[in-house]
Amino acid sequence: MKKLNLKTDVKYKMIIVVISLLIFISILSYQFTDSNFYIISTIIGILSIIAIIISVTGLIKSIKNFNHPRSKRRFFLYFIVGFLVCALLYFIIANIVDALEYLT
């Protein structure tokens, strides 16, 4: 079995960072109170934007190097990055719809 080299596999580092950011966002979302609502929502928004940028960057790098998946590891990488991008886009669209419903 090939040993995973994290110095060269930047895409795997991106996945780990994005999953860590999403876990941190979910932890922060339970800390809402009336006194810290604006601070925590701002932090969550900034972390979400960073996670989206990292996910899209990883997806673009994966698509540039896409030559039919030769190994299970590469297929797993494409699956995870695609799932993260789809999940983040879903969250953005859901929040926009909720904001529009709140305004009307």
PDB file of N, CA and C in Angstrom:
ATOM      1  N   MET A   1       0.836  -1.169   0.000  1.00  0.00           N
ATOM      2  CA  MET A   1       0.000   0.000   0.000  1.00  0.00           C
ATOM      3  C   MET A   1       0.887   1.240   0.000  1.00  0.00           C
ATOM      4  N   LYS A   2       0.530   2.211  -0.817  1.00  0.00           N
ATOM      5  CA  LYS A   2       1.309   3.431  -0.939  1.00  0.00           C
ATOM      6  C   LYS A   2       1.100   4.323   0.282  1.00  0.00           C
ATOM      7  N   LYS A   3       2.192   4.845   0.807  1.00  0.00           N
ATOM      8  CA  LYS A   3       2.120   5.701   1.985  1.00  0.00           C
ATOM      9  C   LYS A   3       1.678   7.098   1.562  1.00  0.00           C
ATOM     10  N   LEU A   4       0.798   7.702   2.332  1.00  0.00           N
ATOM     11  CA  LEU A   4       0.280   9.030   2.043  1.00  0.00           C
ATOM     12  C   LEU A   4       1.316  10.076   2.429  1.00  0.00           C
ATOM     13  N   ASN A   5       1.729  10.888   1.458  1.00  0.00           N
ATOM     14  CA  ASN A   5       2.709  11.929   1.695  1.00  0.00           C
ATOM     15  C   ASN A   5       1.988  13.269   1.736  1.00  0.00           C
ATOM     16  N   LEU A   6       1.771  13.809   2.938  1.00  0.00           N
ATOM     17  CA  LEU A   6       1.012  15.045   3.080  1.00  0.00           C
ATOM     18  C   LEU A   6       1.786  16.270   2.616  1.00  0.00           C
ATOM     19  N   LYS A   7       3.089  16.157   2.415  1.00  0.00           N
ATOM     20  CA  LYS A   7       3.839  17.296   1.902  1.00  0.00           C
ATOM     21  C   LYS A   7       3.519  17.543   0.427  1.00  0.00           C
ATOM     22  N   THR A   8       3.227  16.515  -0.301  1.00  0.00           N
ATOM     23  CA  THR A   8       2.938  16.689  -1.722  1.00  0.00           C
ATOM     24  C   THR A   8       1.451  16.634  -2.032  1.00  0.00           C
ATOM     25  N   ASP A   9       0.659  16.008  -1.203  1.00  0.00           N
ATOM     26  CA  ASP A   9      -0.770  15.888  -1.457  1.00  0.00           C
ATOM     27  C   ASP A   9      -1.517  17.058  -0.816  1.00  0.00           C
ATOM     28  N   VAL A  10      -1.447  18.210  -1.476  1.00  0.00           N
ATOM     29  CA  VAL A  10      -2.070  19.427  -0.964  1.00  0.00           C
ATOM     30  C   VAL A  10      -3.580  19.281  -0.949  1.00  0.00           C
ATOM     31  N   LYS A  11      -4.124  18.522  -1.891  1.00  0.00           N
ATOM     32  CA  LYS A  11      -5.574  18.359  -1.960  1.00  0.00           C
ATOM     33  C   LYS A  11      -6.118  17.684  -0.704  1.00  0.00           C
ATOM     34  N   TYR A  12      -5.357  16.755  -0.144  1.00  0.00           N
ATOM     35  CA  TYR A  12      -5.795  16.103   1.092  1.00  0.00           C
ATOM     36  C   TYR A  12      -5.745  17.070   2.270  1.00  0.00           C
ATOM     37  N   LYS A  13      -4.746  17.939   2.268  1.00  0.00           N
ATOM     38  CA  LYS A  13      -4.689  18.954   3.316  1.00  0.00           C
ATOM     39  C   LYS A  13      -5.895  19.877   3.231  1.00  0.00           C
ATOM     40  N   MET A  14      -6.296  20.235   2.016  1.00  0.00           N
ATOM     41  CA  MET A  14      -7.452  21.114   1.828  1.00  0.00           C
ATOM     42  C   MET A  14      -8.722  20.463   2.375  1.00  0.00           C
ATOM     43  N   ILE A  15      -8.875  19.182   2.120  1.00  0.00           N
ATOM     44  CA  ILE A  15     -10.062  18.470   2.618  1.00  0.00           C
ATOM     45  C   ILE A  15     -10.083  18.477   4.146  1.00  0.00           C
ATOM     46  N   ILE A  16      -8.947  18.215   4.761  1.00  0.00           N
ATOM     47  CA  ILE A  16      -8.868  18.191   6.215  1.00  0.00           C
ATOM     48  C   ILE A  16      -9.171  19.572   6.787  1.00  0.00           C
ATOM     49  N   VAL A  17      -8.648  20.622   6.157  1.00  0.00           N
ATOM     50  CA  VAL A  17      -8.891  21.987   6.638  1.00  0.00           C
ATOM     51  C   VAL A  17     -10.365  22.342   6.514  1.00  0.00           C
ATOM     52  N   VAL A  18     -10.989  22.003   5.382  1.00  0.00           N
ATOM     53  CA  VAL A  18     -12.398  22.347   5.179  1.00  0.00           C
ATOM     54  C   VAL A  18     -13.294  21.591   6.153  1.00  0.00           C
ATOM     55  N   ILE A  19     -13.043  20.325   6.355  1.00  0.00           N
ATOM     56  CA  ILE A  19     -13.842  19.564   7.311  1.00  0.00           C
ATOM     57  C   ILE A  19     -13.662  20.118   8.718  1.00  0.00           C
ATOM     58  N   SER A  20     -12.443  20.522   9.073  1.00  0.00           N
ATOM     59  CA  SER A  20     -12.205  21.125  10.390  1.00  0.00           C
ATOM     60  C   SER A  20     -12.958  22.443  10.524  1.00  0.00           C
ATOM     61  N   LEU A  21     -12.954  23.259   9.468  1.00  0.00           N
ATOM     62  CA  LEU A  21     -13.695  24.518   9.504  1.00  0.00           C
ATOM     63  C   LEU A  21     -15.191  24.274   9.660  1.00  0.00           C
ATOM     64  N   LEU A  22     -15.716  23.280   8.964  1.00  0.00           N
ATOM     65  CA  LEU A  22     -17.139  22.987   9.068  1.00  0.00           C
ATOM     66  C   LEU A  22     -17.515  22.495  10.465  1.00  0.00           C
ATOM     67  N   ILE A  23     -16.654  21.709  11.076  1.00  0.00           N
ATOM     68  CA  ILE A  23     -16.909  21.258  12.439  1.00  0.00           C
ATOM     69  C   ILE A  23     -16.866  22.441  13.396  1.00  0.00           C
ATOM     70  N   PHE A  24     -15.907  23.338  13.202  1.00  0.00           N
ATOM     71  CA  PHE A  24     -15.811  24.529  14.051  1.00  0.00           C
ATOM     72  C   PHE A  24     -17.029  25.433  13.866  1.00  0.00           C
ATOM     73  N   ILE A  25     -17.516  25.559  12.635  1.00  0.00           N
ATOM     74  CA  ILE A  25     -18.720  26.355  12.372  1.00  0.00           C
ATOM     75  C   ILE A  25     -19.922  25.739  13.073  1.00  0.00           C
ATOM     76  N   SER A  26     -20.042  24.425  13.027  1.00  0.00           N
ATOM     77  CA  SER A  26     -21.180  23.778  13.688  1.00  0.00           C
ATOM     78  C   SER A  26     -21.108  23.939  15.204  1.00  0.00           C
ATOM     79  N   ILE A  27     -19.915  23.933  15.772  1.00  0.00           N
ATOM     80  CA  ILE A  27     -19.769  24.159  17.211  1.00  0.00           C
ATOM     81  C   ILE A  27     -20.150  25.592  17.557  1.00  0.00           C
ATOM     82  N   LEU A  28     -19.713  26.543  16.740  1.00  0.00           N
ATOM     83  CA  LEU A  28     -20.037  27.943  17.005  1.00  0.00           C
ATOM     84  C   LEU A  28     -21.526  28.231  16.855  1.00  0.00           C
ATOM     85  N   SER A  29     -22.198  27.493  15.992  1.00  0.00           N
ATOM     86  CA  SER A  29     -23.614  27.770  15.760  1.00  0.00           C
ATOM     87  C   SER A  29     -24.464  27.449  16.993  1.00  0.00           C
ATOM     88  N   TYR A  30     -23.969  26.633  17.893  1.00  0.00           N
ATOM     89  CA  TYR A  30     -24.697  26.340  19.124  1.00  0.00           C
ATOM     90  C   TYR A  30     -24.408  27.351  20.239  1.00  0.00           C
ATOM     91  N   GLN A  31     -23.513  28.292  19.989  1.00  0.00           N
ATOM     92  CA  GLN A  31     -23.125  29.251  21.015  1.00  0.00           C
ATOM     93  C   GLN A  31     -23.845  30.592  20.892  1.00  0.00           C
ATOM     94  N   PHE A  32     -24.911  30.655  20.097  1.00  0.00           N
ATOM     95  CA  PHE A  32     -25.637  31.905  19.907  1.00  0.00           C
ATOM     96  C   PHE A  32     -26.365  32.315  21.180  1.00  0.00           C
ATOM     97  N   THR A  33     -26.205  33.564  21.560  1.00  0.00           N
ATOM     98  CA  THR A  33     -27.023  34.201  22.582  1.00  0.00           C
ATOM     99  C   THR A  33     -27.363  35.595  22.073  1.00  0.00           C
ATOM    100  N   ASP A  34     -28.205  36.304  22.779  1.00  0.00           N
ATOM    101  CA  ASP A  34     -28.573  37.649  22.344  1.00  0.00           C
ATOM    102  C   ASP A  34     -27.402  38.619  22.417  1.00  0.00           C
ATOM    103  N   SER A  35     -26.511  38.400  23.349  1.00  0.00           N
ATOM    104  CA  SER A  35     -25.405  39.341  23.522  1.00  0.00           C
ATOM    105  C   SER A  35     -24.278  39.137  22.518  1.00  0.00           C
ATOM    106  N   ASN A  36     -24.069  37.926  22.037  1.00  0.00           N
ATOM    107  CA  ASN A  36     -22.958  37.684  21.110  1.00  0.00           C
ATOM    108  C   ASN A  36     -23.421  37.256  19.717  1.00  0.00           C
ATOM    109  N   PHE A  37     -24.634  37.563  19.365  1.00  0.00           N
ATOM    110  CA  PHE A  37     -25.194  37.122  18.089  1.00  0.00           C
ATOM    111  C   PHE A  37     -24.399  37.655  16.905  1.00  0.00           C
ATOM    112  N   TYR A  38     -24.095  38.950  16.906  1.00  0.00           N
ATOM    113  CA  TYR A  38     -23.423  39.558  15.755  1.00  0.00           C
ATOM    114  C   TYR A  38     -21.980  39.112  15.630  1.00  0.00           C
ATOM    115  N   ILE A  39     -21.312  38.935  16.733  1.00  0.00           N
ATOM    116  CA  ILE A  39     -19.909  38.506  16.683  1.00  0.00           C
ATOM    117  C   ILE A  39     -19.803  37.084  16.148  1.00  0.00           C
ATOM    118  N   ILE A  40     -20.606  36.180  16.691  1.00  0.00           N
ATOM    119  CA  ILE A  40     -20.533  34.780  16.267  1.00  0.00           C
ATOM    120  C   ILE A  40     -21.019  34.621  14.827  1.00  0.00           C
ATOM    121  N   SER A  41     -22.063  35.342  14.437  1.00  0.00           N
ATOM    122  CA  SER A  41     -22.531  35.212  13.055  1.00  0.00           C
ATOM    123  C   SER A  41     -21.508  35.761  12.072  1.00  0.00           C
ATOM    124  N   THR A  42     -20.764  36.801  12.460  1.00  0.00           N
ATOM    125  CA  THR A  42     -19.694  37.321  11.606  1.00  0.00           C
ATOM    126  C   THR A  42     -18.565  36.309  11.483  1.00  0.00           C
ATOM    127  N   ILE A  43     -18.171  35.692  12.581  1.00  0.00           N
ATOM    128  CA  ILE A  43     -17.109  34.674  12.552  1.00  0.00           C
ATOM    129  C   ILE A  43     -17.543  33.485  11.699  1.00  0.00           C
ATOM    130  N   ILE A  44     -18.786  33.049  11.857  1.00  0.00           N
ATOM    131  CA  ILE A  44     -19.290  31.924  11.063  1.00  0.00           C
ATOM    132  C   ILE A  44     -19.301  32.281   9.588  1.00  0.00           C
ATOM    133  N   GLY A  45     -19.695  33.496   9.254  1.00  0.00           N
ATOM    134  CA  GLY A  45     -19.699  33.926   7.860  1.00  0.00           C
ATOM    135  C   GLY A  45     -18.308  33.945   7.252  1.00  0.00           C
ATOM    136  N   ILE A  46     -17.335  34.462   7.997  1.00  0.00           N
ATOM    137  CA  ILE A  46     -15.956  34.508   7.498  1.00  0.00           C
ATOM    138  C   ILE A  46     -15.398  33.103   7.332  1.00  0.00           C
ATOM    139  N   LEU A  47     -15.636  32.235   8.301  1.00  0.00           N
ATOM    140  CA  LEU A  47     -15.159  30.856   8.191  1.00  0.00           C
ATOM    141  C   LEU A  47     -15.826  30.117   7.031  1.00  0.00           C
ATOM    142  N   SER A  48     -17.100  30.415   6.782  1.00  0.00           N
ATOM    143  CA  SER A  48     -17.802  29.790   5.660  1.00  0.00           C
ATOM    144  C   SER A  48     -17.210  30.229   4.336  1.00  0.00           C
ATOM    145  N   ILE A  49     -16.897  31.513   4.216  1.00  0.00           N
ATOM    146  CA  ILE A  49     -16.287  32.012   2.975  1.00  0.00           C
ATOM    147  C   ILE A  49     -14.922  31.381   2.761  1.00  0.00           C
ATOM    148  N   ILE A  50     -14.135  31.249   3.824  1.00  0.00           N
ATOM    149  CA  ILE A  50     -12.819  30.604   3.709  1.00  0.00           C
ATOM    150  C   ILE A  50     -12.980  29.144   3.286  1.00  0.00           C
ATOM    151  N   ALA A  51     -13.943  28.441   3.877  1.00  0.00           N
ATOM    152  CA  ALA A  51     -14.172  27.036   3.516  1.00  0.00           C
ATOM    153  C   ALA A  51     -14.608  26.914   2.064  1.00  0.00           C
ATOM    154  N   ILE A  52     -15.431  27.823   1.590  1.00  0.00           N
ATOM    155  CA  ILE A  52     -15.880  27.777   0.196  1.00  0.00           C
ATOM    156  C   ILE A  52     -14.708  28.015  -0.744  1.00  0.00           C
ATOM    157  N   ILE A  53     -13.889  29.005  -0.434  1.00  0.00           N
ATOM    158  CA  ILE A  53     -12.731  29.306  -1.295  1.00  0.00           C
ATOM    159  C   ILE A  53     -11.785  28.116  -1.363  1.00  0.00           C
ATOM    160  N   ILE A  54     -11.506  27.494  -0.221  1.00  0.00           N
ATOM    161  CA  ILE A  54     -10.605  26.337  -0.199  1.00  0.00           C
ATOM    162  C   ILE A  54     -11.225  25.167  -0.960  1.00  0.00           C
ATOM    163  N   SER A  55     -12.528  24.933  -0.809  1.00  0.00           N
ATOM    164  CA  SER A  55     -13.184  23.828  -1.504  1.00  0.00           C
ATOM    165  C   SER A  55     -13.170  24.024  -3.012  1.00  0.00           C
ATOM    166  N   VAL A  56     -13.482  25.229  -3.452  1.00  0.00           N
ATOM    167  CA  VAL A  56     -13.493  25.500  -4.895  1.00  0.00           C
ATOM    168  C   VAL A  56     -12.079  25.406  -5.460  1.00  0.00           C
ATOM    169  N   THR A  57     -11.091  25.901  -4.720  1.00  0.00           N
ATOM    170  CA  THR A  57      -9.698  25.783  -5.162  1.00  0.00           C
ATOM    171  C   THR A  57      -9.290  24.320  -5.294  1.00  0.00           C
ATOM    172  N   GLY A  58      -9.643  23.503  -4.323  1.00  0.00           N
ATOM    173  CA  GLY A  58      -9.335  22.074  -4.393  1.00  0.00           C
ATOM    174  C   GLY A  58     -10.057  21.386  -5.530  1.00  0.00           C
ATOM    175  N   LEU A  59     -11.315  21.777  -5.782  1.00  0.00           N
ATOM    176  CA  LEU A  59     -12.055  21.187  -6.887  1.00  0.00           C
ATOM    177  C   LEU A  59     -11.431  21.561  -8.220  1.00  0.00           C
ATOM    178  N   ILE A  60     -11.013  22.812  -8.371  1.00  0.00           N
ATOM    179  CA  ILE A  60     -10.376  23.243  -9.622  1.00  0.00           C
ATOM    180  C   ILE A  60      -9.064  22.508  -9.836  1.00  0.00           C
ATOM    181  N   LYS A  61      -8.260  22.352  -8.780  1.00  0.00           N
ATOM    182  CA  LYS A  61      -7.006  21.603  -8.909  1.00  0.00           C
ATOM    183  C   LYS A  61      -7.281  20.141  -9.271  1.00  0.00           C
ATOM    184  N   SER A  62      -8.331  19.573  -8.709  1.00  0.00           N
ATOM    185  CA  SER A  62      -8.668  18.184  -9.012  1.00  0.00           C
ATOM    186  C   SER A  62      -9.139  18.036 -10.455  1.00  0.00           C
ATOM    187  N   ILE A  63      -9.922  18.994 -10.924  1.00  0.00           N
ATOM    188  CA  ILE A  63     -10.419  18.924 -12.300  1.00  0.00           C
ATOM    189  C   ILE A  63      -9.276  19.108 -13.294  1.00  0.00           C
ATOM    190  N   LYS A  64      -8.312  19.973 -12.984  1.00  0.00           N
ATOM    191  CA  LYS A  64      -7.173  20.176 -13.878  1.00  0.00           C
ATOM    192  C   LYS A  64      -6.358  18.896 -14.031  1.00  0.00           C
ATOM    193  N   ASN A  65      -6.260  18.117 -12.977  1.00  0.00           N
ATOM    194  CA  ASN A  65      -5.474  16.881 -13.007  1.00  0.00           C
ATOM    195  C   ASN A  65      -6.321  15.654 -13.278  1.00  0.00           C
ATOM    196  N   PHE A  66      -7.529  15.845 -13.778  1.00  0.00           N
ATOM    197  CA  PHE A  66      -8.453  14.724 -13.942  1.00  0.00           C
ATOM    198  C   PHE A  66      -8.122  13.928 -15.192  1.00  0.00           C
ATOM    199  N   ASN A  67      -7.611  12.747 -15.004  1.00  0.00           N
ATOM    200  CA  ASN A  67      -7.416  11.764 -16.072  1.00  0.00           C
ATOM    201  C   ASN A  67      -8.063  10.504 -15.572  1.00  0.00           C
ATOM    202  N   HIS A  68      -9.113  10.083 -15.812  1.00  0.00           N
ATOM    203  CA  HIS A  68      -9.804   8.908 -15.293  1.00  0.00           C
ATOM    204  C   HIS A  68      -9.164   8.385 -14.003  1.00  0.00           C
ATOM    205  N   PRO A  69      -9.954   8.304 -12.957  1.00  0.00           N
ATOM    206  CA  PRO A  69      -9.408   7.863 -11.666  1.00  0.00           C
ATOM    207  C   PRO A  69      -8.717   6.509 -11.773  1.00  0.00           C
ATOM    208  N   ARG A  70      -7.451   6.484 -11.414  1.00  0.00           N
ATOM    209  CA  ARG A  70      -6.675   5.250 -11.513  1.00  0.00           C
ATOM    210  C   ARG A  70      -6.640   4.480 -10.201  1.00  0.00           C
ATOM    211  N   SER A  71      -6.938   5.150  -9.143  1.00  0.00           N
ATOM    212  CA  SER A  71      -6.864   4.469  -7.858  1.00  0.00           C
ATOM    213  C   SER A  71      -8.084   4.816  -7.015  1.00  0.00           C
ATOM    214  N   LYS A  72      -8.277   4.025  -5.997  1.00  0.00           N
ATOM    215  CA  LYS A  72      -9.389   4.276  -5.073  1.00  0.00           C
ATOM    216  C   LYS A  72      -9.176   5.581  -4.319  1.00  0.00           C
ATOM    217  N   ARG A  73      -7.939   5.886  -4.012  1.00  0.00           N
ATOM    218  CA  ARG A  73      -7.635   7.104  -3.270  1.00  0.00           C
ATOM    219  C   ARG A  73      -8.001   8.346  -4.083  1.00  0.00           C
ATOM    220  N   ARG A  74      -7.684   8.354  -5.364  1.00  0.00           N
ATOM    221  CA  ARG A  74      -8.002   9.502  -6.210  1.00  0.00           C
ATOM    222  C   ARG A  74      -9.509   9.633  -6.393  1.00  0.00           C
ATOM    223  N   PHE A  75     -10.196   8.513  -6.582  1.00  0.00           N
ATOM    224  CA  PHE A  75     -11.646   8.561  -6.707  1.00  0.00           C
ATOM    225  C   PHE A  75     -12.276   9.080  -5.417  1.00  0.00           C
ATOM    226  N   PHE A  76     -11.762   8.645  -4.285  1.00  0.00           N
ATOM    227  CA  PHE A  76     -12.247   9.109  -2.993  1.00  0.00           C
ATOM    228  C   PHE A  76     -12.026  10.615  -2.845  1.00  0.00           C
ATOM    229  N   LEU A  77     -10.873  11.100  -3.295  1.00  0.00           N
ATOM    230  CA  LEU A  77     -10.575  12.523  -3.242  1.00  0.00           C
ATOM    231  C   LEU A  77     -11.579  13.319  -4.061  1.00  0.00           C
ATOM    232  N   TYR A  78     -11.858  12.894  -5.292  1.00  0.00           N
ATOM    233  CA  TYR A  78     -12.822  13.598  -6.140  1.00  0.00           C
ATOM    234  C   TYR A  78     -14.214  13.573  -5.511  1.00  0.00           C
ATOM    235  N   PHE A  79     -14.575  12.471  -4.924  1.00  0.00           N
ATOM    236  CA  PHE A  79     -15.886  12.345  -4.300  1.00  0.00           C
ATOM    237  C   PHE A  79     -16.027  13.299  -3.110  1.00  0.00           C
ATOM    238  N   ILE A  80     -15.029  13.338  -2.236  1.00  0.00           N
ATOM    239  CA  ILE A  80     -15.092  14.187  -1.047  1.00  0.00           C
ATOM    240  C   ILE A  80     -15.094  15.663  -1.430  1.00  0.00           C
ATOM    241  N   VAL A  81     -14.218  16.074  -2.335  1.00  0.00           N
ATOM    242  CA  VAL A  81     -14.164  17.480  -2.734  1.00  0.00           C
ATOM    243  C   VAL A  81     -15.476  17.887  -3.404  1.00  0.00           C
ATOM    244  N   GLY A  82     -16.001  17.048  -4.273  1.00  0.00           N
ATOM    245  CA  GLY A  82     -17.277  17.354  -4.919  1.00  0.00           C
ATOM    246  C   GLY A  82     -18.414  17.438  -3.921  1.00  0.00           C
ATOM    247  N   PHE A  83     -18.417  16.546  -2.949  1.00  0.00           N
ATOM    248  CA  PHE A  83     -19.453  16.567  -1.915  1.00  0.00           C
ATOM    249  C   PHE A  83     -19.373  17.846  -1.088  1.00  0.00           C
ATOM    250  N   LEU A  84     -18.163  18.249  -0.711  1.00  0.00           N
ATOM    251  CA  LEU A  84     -18.009  19.470   0.083  1.00  0.00           C
ATOM    252  C   LEU A  84     -18.457  20.703  -0.690  1.00  0.00           C
ATOM    253  N   VAL A  85     -18.102  20.781  -1.953  1.00  0.00           N
ATOM    254  CA  VAL A  85     -18.522  21.935  -2.759  1.00  0.00           C
ATOM    255  C   VAL A  85     -20.039  21.955  -2.906  1.00  0.00           C
ATOM    256  N   CYS A  86     -20.640  20.809  -3.176  1.00  0.00           N
ATOM    257  CA  CYS A  86     -22.106  20.747  -3.295  1.00  0.00           C
ATOM    258  C   CYS A  86     -22.789  21.118  -1.977  1.00  0.00           C
ATOM    259  N   ALA A  87     -22.264  20.636  -0.857  1.00  0.00           N
ATOM    260  CA  ALA A  87     -22.862  20.952   0.437  1.00  0.00           C
ATOM    261  C   ALA A  87     -22.759  22.443   0.745  1.00  0.00           C
ATOM    262  N   LEU A  88     -21.605  23.035   0.468  1.00  0.00           N
ATOM    263  CA  LEU A  88     -21.446  24.461   0.736  1.00  0.00           C
ATOM    264  C   LEU A  88     -22.328  25.305  -0.180  1.00  0.00           C
ATOM    265  N   LEU A  89     -22.448  24.926  -1.433  1.00  0.00           N
ATOM    266  CA  LEU A  89     -23.340  25.657  -2.335  1.00  0.00           C
ATOM    267  C   LEU A  89     -24.792  25.515  -1.898  1.00  0.00           C
ATOM    268  N   TYR A  90     -25.161  24.342  -1.406  1.00  0.00           N
ATOM    269  CA  TYR A  90     -26.516  24.150  -0.889  1.00  0.00           C
ATOM    270  C   TYR A  90     -26.778  25.069   0.306  1.00  0.00           C
ATOM    271  N   PHE A  91     -25.801  25.169   1.223  1.00  0.00           N
ATOM    272  CA  PHE A  91     -25.969  26.034   2.380  1.00  0.00           C
ATOM    273  C   PHE A  91     -26.107  27.496   1.973  1.00  0.00           C
ATOM    274  N   ILE A  92     -25.343  27.915   0.983  1.00  0.00           N
ATOM    275  CA  ILE A  92     -25.437  29.299   0.518  1.00  0.00           C
ATOM    276  C   ILE A  92     -26.813  29.569  -0.065  1.00  0.00           C
ATOM    277  N   ILE A  93     -27.284  28.684  -0.929  1.00  0.00           N
ATOM    278  CA  ILE A  93     -28.585  28.876  -1.569  1.00  0.00           C
ATOM    279  C   ILE A  93     -29.703  28.829  -0.536  1.00  0.00           C
ATOM    280  N   ALA A  94     -29.614  27.923   0.428  1.00  0.00           N
ATOM    281  CA  ALA A  94     -30.636  27.834   1.475  1.00  0.00           C
ATOM    282  C   ALA A  94     -30.668  29.106   2.319  1.00  0.00           C
ATOM    283  N   ASN A  95     -29.506  29.656   2.634  1.00  0.00           N
ATOM    284  CA  ASN A  95     -29.463  30.893   3.413  1.00  0.00           C
ATOM    285  C   ASN A  95     -30.007  32.068   2.613  1.00  0.00           C
ATOM    286  N   ILE A  96     -29.722  32.127   1.326  1.00  0.00           N
ATOM    287  CA  ILE A  96     -30.258  33.199   0.494  1.00  0.00           C
ATOM    288  C   ILE A  96     -31.784  33.098   0.423  1.00  0.00           C
ATOM    289  N   VAL A  97     -32.308  31.908   0.261  1.00  0.00           N
ATOM    290  CA  VAL A  97     -33.759  31.719   0.223  1.00  0.00           C
ATOM    291  C   VAL A  97     -34.383  32.112   1.557  1.00  0.00           C
ATOM    292  N   ASP A  98     -33.777  31.728   2.669  1.00  0.00           N
ATOM    293  CA  ASP A  98     -34.290  32.100   3.982  1.00  0.00           C
ATOM    294  C   ASP A  98     -34.264  33.618   4.192  1.00  0.00           C
ATOM    295  N   ALA A  99     -33.185  34.248   3.718  1.00  0.00           N
ATOM    296  CA  ALA A  99     -33.086  35.707   3.854  1.00  0.00           C
ATOM    297  C   ALA A  99     -34.149  36.411   3.028  1.00  0.00           C
ATOM    298  N   LEU A 100     -34.396  35.902   1.819  1.00  0.00           N
ATOM    299  CA  LEU A 100     -35.439  36.499   0.979  1.00  0.00           C
ATOM    300  C   LEU A 100     -36.820  36.294   1.576  1.00  0.00           C
ATOM    301  N   GLU A 101     -37.076  35.143   2.166  1.00  0.00           N
ATOM    302  CA  GLU A 101     -38.361  34.911   2.827  1.00  0.00           C
ATOM    303  C   GLU A 101     -38.523  35.804   4.058  1.00  0.00           C
ATOM    304  N   TYR A 102     -37.433  36.052   4.747  1.00  0.00           N
ATOM    305  CA  TYR A 102     -37.504  36.923   5.913  1.00  0.00           C
ATOM    306  C   TYR A 102     -37.789  38.372   5.517  1.00  0.00           C
ATOM    307  N   LEU A 103     -37.242  38.799   4.383  1.00  0.00           N
ATOM    308  CA  LEU A 103     -37.442  40.182   3.929  1.00  0.00           C
ATOM    309  C   LEU A 103     -38.850  40.414   3.385  1.00  0.00           C
ATOM    310  N   THR A 104     -39.476  39.369   2.879  1.00  0.00           N
ATOM    311  CA  THR A 104     -40.826  39.565   2.305  1.00  0.00           C
ATOM    312  C   THR A 104     -41.905  39.227   3.281  1.00  0.00           C
TER     313      THR A 104
END
